Amino acid sequence: MTAEIVIMNAQAVALAADSAVTARKGGDQKIFSSANKLYALSKNHSIGVMVYGNSNFMHIPSETVENVFGDKVVDQKID
């Protein structure tokens, strides 16, 4: 289970998530307690993404979609 929280006001947004991940292979499962669930998509844009579960977009893992998006906008600046 993933725990995520967002606290917002007019000046700021704070995101938080736990760091536990369960990996399953066949009938076995292992719990890792050091997963990074929050990260910056790019240095030039303040974009936060929170995903839980086995998330896919058009049969593509959401992590792949987010990484491709981050790579595309990394050099673009907003004026």
N, C-alpha and C. Protein backbone atom coordinates (compact mmCIF):
# COMPACT_ATOMS: atom_id res chain seq x y z
N MET A 1 0.84 -1.17 0.00
CA MET A 1 0.00 0.00 0.00
C MET A 1 0.90 1.24 0.00
N THR A 2 0.50 2.23 -0.77
CA THR A 2 1.23 3.50 -0.85
C THR A 2 0.48 4.57 -0.09
N ALA A 3 1.21 5.39 0.65
CA ALA A 3 0.63 6.54 1.33
C ALA A 3 1.19 7.80 0.67
N GLU A 4 0.29 8.67 0.22
CA GLU A 4 0.69 9.93 -0.41
C GLU A 4 -0.13 11.06 0.20
N ILE A 5 0.47 12.23 0.30
CA ILE A 5 -0.24 13.39 0.85
C ILE A 5 0.23 14.65 0.14
N VAL A 6 -0.71 15.56 -0.06
CA VAL A 6 -0.41 16.87 -0.63
C VAL A 6 -0.96 17.93 0.31
N ILE A 7 -0.15 18.92 0.62
CA ILE A 7 -0.60 20.07 1.40
C ILE A 7 -0.37 21.30 0.54
N MET A 8 -1.45 22.06 0.32
CA MET A 8 -1.38 23.22 -0.58
C MET A 8 -1.91 24.46 0.12
N ASN A 9 -1.33 25.60 -0.24
CA ASN A 9 -1.90 26.89 0.09
C ASN A 9 -1.61 27.83 -1.08
N ALA A 10 -1.85 29.10 -0.93
CA ALA A 10 -1.69 30.04 -2.03
C ALA A 10 -0.22 30.24 -2.44
N GLN A 11 0.72 29.96 -1.55
CA GLN A 11 2.12 30.18 -1.84
C GLN A 11 2.93 28.93 -2.18
N ALA A 12 2.46 27.75 -1.79
CA ALA A 12 3.31 26.57 -1.96
C ALA A 12 2.50 25.28 -2.01
N VAL A 13 3.16 24.24 -2.47
CA VAL A 13 2.62 22.88 -2.48
C VAL A 13 3.68 21.96 -1.90
N ALA A 14 3.30 21.10 -0.97
CA ALA A 14 4.22 20.11 -0.40
C ALA A 14 3.70 18.71 -0.71
N LEU A 15 4.56 17.87 -1.26
CA LEU A 15 4.20 16.48 -1.58
C LEU A 15 4.99 15.55 -0.66
N ALA A 16 4.36 14.47 -0.25
CA ALA A 16 5.05 13.47 0.57
C ALA A 16 4.54 12.08 0.21
N ALA A 17 5.41 11.09 0.29
CA ALA A 17 5.04 9.70 0.04
C ALA A 17 5.93 8.79 0.87
N ASP A 18 5.41 7.61 1.18
CA ASP A 18 6.24 6.63 1.88
C ASP A 18 7.27 6.06 0.90
N SER A 19 8.17 5.21 1.39
CA SER A 19 9.23 4.72 0.52
C SER A 19 9.21 3.19 0.36
N ALA A 20 8.12 2.54 0.74
CA ALA A 20 8.05 1.08 0.64
C ALA A 20 7.47 0.65 -0.70
N VAL A 21 8.07 -0.40 -1.28
CA VAL A 21 7.61 -0.97 -2.55
C VAL A 21 7.59 -2.49 -2.39
N THR A 22 6.52 -3.13 -2.86
CA THR A 22 6.43 -4.58 -2.86
C THR A 22 6.64 -5.10 -4.27
N ALA A 23 7.62 -5.98 -4.43
CA ALA A 23 7.89 -6.60 -5.73
C ALA A 23 7.45 -8.05 -5.66
N ARG A 24 6.68 -8.47 -6.67
CA ARG A 24 6.20 -9.85 -6.71
C ARG A 24 6.74 -10.57 -7.92
N LYS A 25 7.17 -11.80 -7.72
CA LYS A 25 7.61 -12.65 -8.82
C LYS A 25 7.07 -14.04 -8.55
N GLY A 26 6.13 -14.47 -9.38
CA GLY A 26 5.47 -15.74 -9.12
C GLY A 26 4.69 -15.65 -7.83
N GLY A 27 4.92 -16.58 -6.92
CA GLY A 27 4.24 -16.56 -5.63
C GLY A 27 5.03 -15.86 -4.55
N ASP A 28 6.24 -15.44 -4.86
CA ASP A 28 7.10 -14.78 -3.87
C ASP A 28 6.93 -13.27 -3.92
N GLN A 29 7.14 -12.64 -2.79
CA GLN A 29 7.12 -11.18 -2.75
C GLN A 29 8.23 -10.69 -1.84
N LYS A 30 8.75 -9.52 -2.16
CA LYS A 30 9.81 -8.89 -1.37
C LYS A 30 9.46 -7.43 -1.19
N ILE A 31 9.69 -6.90 -0.01
CA ILE A 31 9.40 -5.50 0.29
C ILE A 31 10.71 -4.73 0.39
N PHE A 32 10.80 -3.66 -0.39
CA PHE A 32 11.95 -2.76 -0.36
C PHE A 32 11.52 -1.48 0.34
N SER A 33 12.34 -0.97 1.22
CA SER A 33 11.94 0.21 2.00
C SER A 33 12.69 1.47 1.62
N SER A 34 13.25 1.51 0.40
CA SER A 34 14.02 2.69 0.02
C SER A 34 13.69 3.18 -1.39
N ALA A 35 12.46 3.02 -1.82
CA ALA A 35 12.06 3.46 -3.15
C ALA A 35 11.89 4.98 -3.19
N ASN A 36 12.24 5.59 -4.31
CA ASN A 36 12.05 7.03 -4.50
C ASN A 36 10.75 7.23 -5.27
N LYS A 37 9.71 7.68 -4.58
CA LYS A 37 8.40 7.86 -5.22
C LYS A 37 8.13 9.30 -5.62
N LEU A 38 8.97 10.23 -5.22
CA LEU A 38 8.84 11.64 -5.60
C LEU A 38 10.12 12.09 -6.26
N TYR A 39 10.00 12.74 -7.40
CA TYR A 39 11.19 13.23 -8.09
C TYR A 39 10.79 14.37 -9.01
N ALA A 40 11.76 15.17 -9.42
CA ALA A 40 11.52 16.30 -10.33
C ALA A 40 11.52 15.81 -11.76
N LEU A 41 10.52 16.22 -12.53
CA LEU A 41 10.48 15.85 -13.95
C LEU A 41 11.52 16.61 -14.75
N SER A 42 11.76 17.86 -14.39
CA SER A 42 12.79 18.65 -15.07
C SER A 42 13.28 19.73 -14.12
N LYS A 43 14.43 20.31 -14.44
CA LYS A 43 14.99 21.37 -13.61
C LYS A 43 14.30 22.71 -13.85
N ASN A 44 13.69 22.88 -15.04
CA ASN A 44 13.12 24.18 -15.41
C ASN A 44 11.63 24.30 -15.12
N HIS A 45 10.97 23.21 -14.75
CA HIS A 45 9.52 23.25 -14.54
C HIS A 45 9.18 22.63 -13.20
N SER A 46 8.29 23.28 -12.48
CA SER A 46 7.85 22.76 -11.18
C SER A 46 6.62 21.88 -11.40
N ILE A 47 6.87 20.60 -11.64
CA ILE A 47 5.79 19.65 -11.90
C ILE A 47 5.95 18.48 -10.95
N GLY A 48 4.89 18.17 -10.22
CA GLY A 48 4.90 17.03 -9.32
C GLY A 48 3.95 15.97 -9.82
N VAL A 49 4.34 14.72 -9.70
CA VAL A 49 3.51 13.58 -10.12
C VAL A 49 3.49 12.58 -8.99
N MET A 50 2.29 12.10 -8.65
CA MET A 50 2.16 11.06 -7.65
C MET A 50 1.39 9.91 -8.27
N VAL A 51 1.98 8.72 -8.24
CA VAL A 51 1.38 7.54 -8.85
C VAL A 51 1.43 6.41 -7.84
N TYR A 52 0.39 5.62 -7.81
CA TYR A 52 0.41 4.44 -6.95
C TYR A 52 -0.14 3.25 -7.72
N GLY A 53 0.23 2.07 -7.29
CA GLY A 53 -0.22 0.86 -7.96
C GLY A 53 0.58 0.62 -9.24
N ASN A 54 0.08 -0.28 -10.05
CA ASN A 54 0.72 -0.62 -11.31
C ASN A 54 0.10 0.25 -12.40
N SER A 55 0.58 1.46 -12.53
CA SER A 55 -0.03 2.46 -13.41
C SER A 55 0.54 2.38 -14.82
N ASN A 56 -0.34 2.34 -15.80
CA ASN A 56 0.03 2.32 -17.22
C ASN A 56 -0.78 3.35 -17.98
N PHE A 57 -0.21 3.86 -19.06
CA PHE A 57 -0.92 4.74 -19.99
C PHE A 57 -0.74 4.14 -21.38
N MET A 58 -1.83 3.65 -21.95
CA MET A 58 -1.80 3.00 -23.27
C MET A 58 -0.78 1.86 -23.28
N HIS A 59 -0.79 1.04 -22.24
CA HIS A 59 0.06 -0.14 -22.08
C HIS A 59 1.55 0.21 -21.92
N ILE A 60 1.84 1.45 -21.55
CA ILE A 60 3.22 1.89 -21.29
C ILE A 60 3.29 2.28 -19.82
N PRO A 61 4.29 1.79 -19.07
CA PRO A 61 4.39 2.17 -17.66
C PRO A 61 4.46 3.68 -17.49
N SER A 62 3.74 4.21 -16.50
CA SER A 62 3.70 5.66 -16.29
C SER A 62 5.09 6.23 -16.04
N GLU A 63 5.97 5.47 -15.42
CA GLU A 63 7.34 5.96 -15.18
C GLU A 63 8.05 6.26 -16.50
N THR A 64 7.83 5.43 -17.51
CA THR A 64 8.43 5.66 -18.83
C THR A 64 7.87 6.93 -19.46
N VAL A 65 6.55 7.11 -19.39
CA VAL A 65 5.91 8.31 -19.94
C VAL A 65 6.47 9.56 -19.26
N GLU A 66 6.58 9.53 -17.94
CA GLU A 66 7.09 10.68 -17.18
C GLU A 66 8.54 10.97 -17.53
N ASN A 67 9.36 9.93 -17.66
CA ASN A 67 10.77 10.14 -18.01
C ASN A 67 10.94 10.72 -19.40
N VAL A 68 10.16 10.25 -20.37
CA VAL A 68 10.22 10.80 -21.73
C VAL A 68 9.79 12.26 -21.73
N PHE A 69 8.71 12.58 -21.00
CA PHE A 69 8.25 13.96 -20.90
C PHE A 69 9.34 14.83 -20.29
N GLY A 70 9.95 14.37 -19.20
CA GLY A 70 11.01 15.13 -18.55
C GLY A 70 12.19 15.37 -19.47
N ASP A 71 12.56 14.36 -20.27
CA ASP A 71 13.65 14.51 -21.22
C ASP A 71 13.32 15.53 -22.30
N LYS A 72 12.06 15.60 -22.72
CA LYS A 72 11.66 16.52 -23.80
C LYS A 72 11.66 17.97 -23.32
N VAL A 73 11.28 18.23 -22.07
CA VAL A 73 11.15 19.62 -21.61
C VAL A 73 12.36 20.10 -20.82
N VAL A 74 13.37 19.28 -20.64
CA VAL A 74 14.49 19.64 -19.78
C VAL A 74 15.20 20.91 -20.28
N ASP A 75 15.29 21.14 -21.58
CA ASP A 75 15.99 22.32 -22.10
C ASP A 75 15.07 23.49 -22.40
N GLN A 76 13.76 23.30 -22.28
CA GLN A 76 12.81 24.37 -22.59
C GLN A 76 12.60 25.25 -21.35
N LYS A 77 12.55 26.54 -21.56
CA LYS A 77 12.30 27.48 -20.48
C LYS A 77 10.99 28.21 -20.74
N ILE A 78 10.28 28.48 -19.67
CA ILE A 78 9.02 29.23 -19.76
C ILE A 78 9.32 30.67 -19.32
N ASP A 79 8.92 31.61 -20.14
CA ASP A 79 9.14 33.04 -19.80
C ASP A 79 7.94 33.60 -19.10
